[in-house]
């Protein structure tokens, strides 16, 4: 129950670049050591959970045509990854492709799917 509450708190505060285990522990009136203990039971860490959640939100925004007006670095900063180089390296390490290339590939896939199919007999 507490772990679920903490995860919800983290997700609500992902945009805060300074979100840290100590801030999370204080907000939940527990020690940082106990916070780490809760996440260790799932085979992860607090920092890894935060990074994974941030990167997933960034990935979703990069794929979202409604977010096309935002730059790649702006999307990273929006989710608490204020250093563009760190964001780009983490994204590439996680997804195997840079954020800009990922966005371009998603845009190309979406644009190709949005084109109407040729009429029968017109080709």
C-alpha atoms as a PDB file:
ATOM      1  CA  UNK A   1       0.000   0.000   0.000  1.00  0.00           C
ATOM      2  CA  UNK A   2       2.721   2.479   0.962  1.00  0.00           C
ATOM      3  CA  UNK A   3       4.794   1.564  -2.100  1.00  0.00           C
ATOM      4  CA  UNK A   4       1.760   2.247  -4.321  1.00  0.00           C
ATOM      5  CA  UNK A   5       1.190   5.627  -2.653  1.00  0.00           C
ATOM      6  CA  UNK A   6       4.850   6.510  -3.108  1.00  0.00           C
ATOM      7  CA  UNK A   7       4.769   5.543  -6.782  1.00  0.00           C
ATOM      8  CA  UNK A   8       1.714   7.731  -7.327  1.00  0.00           C
ATOM      9  CA  UNK A   9       3.530  10.600  -5.614  1.00  0.00           C
ATOM     10  CA  UNK A  10       6.554  10.103  -7.860  1.00  0.00           C
ATOM     11  CA  UNK A  11       4.426  10.085 -11.018  1.00  0.00           C
ATOM     12  CA  UNK A  12       2.664  13.284  -9.941  1.00  0.00           C
ATOM     13  CA  UNK A  13       6.029  14.987  -9.357  1.00  0.00           C
ATOM     14  CA  UNK A  14       8.064  13.706 -12.320  1.00  0.00           C
ATOM     15  CA  UNK A  15       8.209  17.210 -13.774  1.00  0.00           C
ATOM     16  CA  UNK A  16      10.275  18.387 -10.810  1.00  0.00           C
ATOM     17  CA  UNK A  17      13.940  18.089 -11.780  1.00  0.00           C
ATOM     18  CA  UNK A  18      14.951  17.956  -8.121  1.00  0.00           C
ATOM     19  CA  UNK A  19      12.708  15.022  -7.243  1.00  0.00           C
ATOM     20  CA  UNK A  20      14.921  12.791  -5.132  1.00  0.00           C
ATOM     21  CA  UNK A  21      14.702   9.860  -2.733  1.00  0.00           C
ATOM     22  CA  UNK A  22      15.217  12.202   0.226  1.00  0.00           C
ATOM     23  CA  UNK A  23      12.359  14.476  -0.883  1.00  0.00           C
ATOM     24  CA  UNK A  24      10.106  11.458  -1.399  1.00  0.00           C
ATOM     25  CA  UNK A  25      11.014  10.002   1.993  1.00  0.00           C
ATOM     26  CA  UNK A  26      10.306  13.290   3.772  1.00  0.00           C
ATOM     27  CA  UNK A  27       6.932  13.607   2.037  1.00  0.00           C
ATOM     28  CA  UNK A  28       5.971  10.136   3.290  1.00  0.00           C
ATOM     29  CA  UNK A  29       7.469  10.432   6.780  1.00  0.00           C
ATOM     30  CA  UNK A  30       9.861   7.522   6.291  1.00  0.00           C
ATOM     31  CA  UNK A  31      13.620   7.199   6.156  1.00  0.00           C
ATOM     32  CA  UNK A  32      15.483   7.153   2.868  1.00  0.00           C
ATOM     33  CA  UNK A  33      16.799   3.737   3.867  1.00  0.00           C
ATOM     34  CA  UNK A  34      13.266   2.360   4.253  1.00  0.00           C
ATOM     35  CA  UNK A  35      12.246   3.937   0.937  1.00  0.00           C
ATOM     36  CA  UNK A  36      15.096   2.103  -0.794  1.00  0.00           C
ATOM     37  CA  UNK A  37      14.085  -1.071   1.000  1.00  0.00           C
ATOM     38  CA  UNK A  38      10.542  -0.828  -0.416  1.00  0.00           C
ATOM     39  CA  UNK A  39      11.817  -0.589  -3.988  1.00  0.00           C
ATOM     40  CA  UNK A  40      14.499  -3.244  -3.528  1.00  0.00           C
ATOM     41  CA  UNK A  41      11.710  -5.774  -2.960  1.00  0.00           C
ATOM     42  CA  UNK A  42      10.673  -5.190  -6.599  1.00  0.00           C
ATOM     43  CA  UNK A  43      14.218  -5.602  -7.861  1.00  0.00           C
ATOM     44  CA  UNK A  44      14.622  -1.917  -8.666  1.00  0.00           C
ATOM     45  CA  UNK A  45      15.628   1.322  -7.026  1.00  0.00           C
ATOM     46  CA  UNK A  46      13.855   4.602  -6.430  1.00  0.00           C
ATOM     47  CA  UNK A  47      16.132   6.418  -8.855  1.00  0.00           C
ATOM     48  CA  UNK A  48      15.659   3.782 -11.549  1.00  0.00           C
ATOM     49  CA  UNK A  49      11.879   3.965 -11.152  1.00  0.00           C
ATOM     50  CA  UNK A  50      11.970   7.763 -11.488  1.00  0.00           C
ATOM     51  CA  UNK A  51      14.211   7.587 -14.577  1.00  0.00           C
ATOM     52  CA  UNK A  52      12.083   4.893 -16.240  1.00  0.00           C
ATOM     53  CA  UNK A  53       8.877   6.832 -15.625  1.00  0.00           C
ATOM     54  CA  UNK A  54      10.390  10.059 -16.944  1.00  0.00           C
ATOM     55  CA  UNK A  55      11.754   8.393 -20.056  1.00  0.00           C
ATOM     56  CA  UNK A  56       8.441   6.695 -20.763  1.00  0.00           C
ATOM     57  CA  UNK A  57       6.607  10.039 -20.501  1.00  0.00           C
ATOM     58  CA  UNK A  58       9.178  11.581 -22.836  1.00  0.00           C
ATOM     59  CA  UNK A  59       8.796   8.703 -25.295  1.00  0.00           C
ATOM     60  CA  UNK A  60       5.028   9.167 -25.304  1.00  0.00           C
ATOM     61  CA  UNK A  61       5.354  12.923 -25.877  1.00  0.00           C
ATOM     62  CA  UNK A  62       7.846  12.422 -28.707  1.00  0.00           C
ATOM     63  CA  UNK A  63       5.370  10.095 -30.421  1.00  0.00           C
ATOM     64  CA  UNK A  64       2.405  12.418 -29.836  1.00  0.00           C
ATOM     65  CA  UNK A  65       1.626  14.653 -32.847  1.00  0.00           C
ATOM     66  CA  UNK A  66       0.037  17.163 -30.466  1.00  0.00           C
ATOM     67  CA  UNK A  67       3.477  17.672 -28.863  1.00  0.00           C
ATOM     68  CA  UNK A  68       5.258  18.272 -32.193  1.00  0.00           C
ATOM     69  CA  UNK A  69       5.618  21.978 -31.417  1.00  0.00           C
ATOM     70  CA  UNK A  70       7.863  21.161 -28.451  1.00  0.00           C
ATOM     71  CA  UNK A  71      11.564  20.644 -29.021  1.00  0.00           C
ATOM     72  CA  UNK A  72      13.201  17.412 -27.913  1.00  0.00           C
ATOM     73  CA  UNK A  73      15.106  19.129 -25.092  1.00  0.00           C
ATOM     74  CA  UNK A  74      11.907  20.874 -23.974  1.00  0.00           C
ATOM     75  CA  UNK A  75      10.139  17.525 -23.700  1.00  0.00           C
ATOM     76  CA  UNK A  76      12.977  16.167 -21.575  1.00  0.00           C
ATOM     77  CA  UNK A  77      12.885  19.238 -19.335  1.00  0.00           C
ATOM     78  CA  UNK A  78       9.109  18.993 -19.084  1.00  0.00           C
ATOM     79  CA  UNK A  79       9.553  15.628 -17.377  1.00  0.00           C
ATOM     80  CA  UNK A  80      12.404  16.645 -15.078  1.00  0.00           C
ATOM     81  CA  UNK A  81      15.320  15.794 -17.392  1.00  0.00           C
ATOM     82  CA  UNK A  82      16.661  19.331 -17.675  1.00  0.00           C
ATOM     83  CA  UNK A  83      20.080  18.453 -19.120  1.00  0.00           C
ATOM     84  CA  UNK A  84      19.503  17.757 -22.815  1.00  0.00           C
ATOM     85  CA  UNK A  85      22.678  15.680 -23.210  1.00  0.00           C
ATOM     86  CA  UNK A  86      21.856  13.501 -20.210  1.00  0.00           C
ATOM     87  CA  UNK A  87      18.297  13.066 -21.493  1.00  0.00           C
ATOM     88  CA  UNK A  88      19.500  12.108 -24.968  1.00  0.00           C
ATOM     89  CA  UNK A  89      22.024   9.556 -23.650  1.00  0.00           C
ATOM     90  CA  UNK A  90      19.513   8.001 -21.247  1.00  0.00           C
ATOM     91  CA  UNK A  91      16.849   7.790 -23.958  1.00  0.00           C
ATOM     92  CA  UNK A  92      19.252   6.168 -26.411  1.00  0.00           C
ATOM     93  CA  UNK A  93      20.501   3.716 -23.788  1.00  0.00           C
ATOM     94  CA  UNK A  94      16.923   2.728 -22.917  1.00  0.00           C
ATOM     95  CA  UNK A  95      15.319   2.638 -26.372  1.00  0.00           C
ATOM     96  CA  UNK A  96      18.334   2.098 -28.629  1.00  0.00           C
ATOM     97  CA  UNK A  97      17.681   5.263 -30.634  1.00  0.00           C
ATOM     98  CA  UNK A  98      18.129   8.980 -30.003  1.00  0.00           C
ATOM     99  CA  UNK A  99      15.030  11.008 -29.104  1.00  0.00           C
ATOM    100  CA  UNK A 100      15.203  13.039 -32.321  1.00  0.00           C
ATOM    101  CA  UNK A 101      15.489   9.960 -34.529  1.00  0.00           C
ATOM    102  CA  UNK A 102      12.694   8.261 -32.567  1.00  0.00           C
ATOM    103  CA  UNK A 103      10.429  11.276 -33.107  1.00  0.00           C
ATOM    104  CA  UNK A 104      11.241  11.420 -36.823  1.00  0.00           C
ATOM    105  CA  UNK A 105      10.567   7.693 -37.228  1.00  0.00           C
ATOM    106  CA  UNK A 106       7.247   7.966 -35.395  1.00  0.00           C
ATOM    107  CA  UNK A 107       6.283  10.988 -37.479  1.00  0.00           C
ATOM    108  CA  UNK A 108       7.165   9.144 -40.709  1.00  0.00           C
ATOM    109  CA  UNK A 109       5.169   6.106 -39.602  1.00  0.00           C
ATOM    110  CA  UNK A 110       2.190   8.289 -38.691  1.00  0.00           C
ATOM    111  CA  UNK A 111       2.402  10.309 -41.911  1.00  0.00           C
ATOM    112  CA  UNK A 112       2.550   7.123 -43.983  1.00  0.00           C
ATOM    113  CA  UNK A 113      -0.460   5.675 -42.175  1.00  0.00           C
ATOM    114  CA  UNK A 114      -2.407   8.913 -42.611  1.00  0.00           C
ATOM    115  CA  UNK A 115      -2.110   8.944 -46.390  1.00  0.00           C
ATOM    116  CA  UNK A 116      -5.194   7.576 -48.075  1.00  0.00           C
ATOM    117  CA  UNK A 117      -4.832   4.327 -49.941  1.00  0.00           C
ATOM    118  CA  UNK A 118      -4.986   4.648 -53.734  1.00  0.00           C
ATOM    119  CA  UNK A 119      -8.376   4.007 -55.247  1.00  0.00           C
ATOM    120  CA  UNK A 120      -8.773   0.580 -56.841  1.00  0.00           C
ATOM    121  CA  UNK A 121      -7.799   0.659 -60.488  1.00  0.00           C
ATOM    122  CA  UNK A 122      -6.003   4.029 -60.190  1.00  0.00           C
ATOM    123  CA  UNK A 123      -2.517   2.618 -60.031  1.00  0.00           C
END
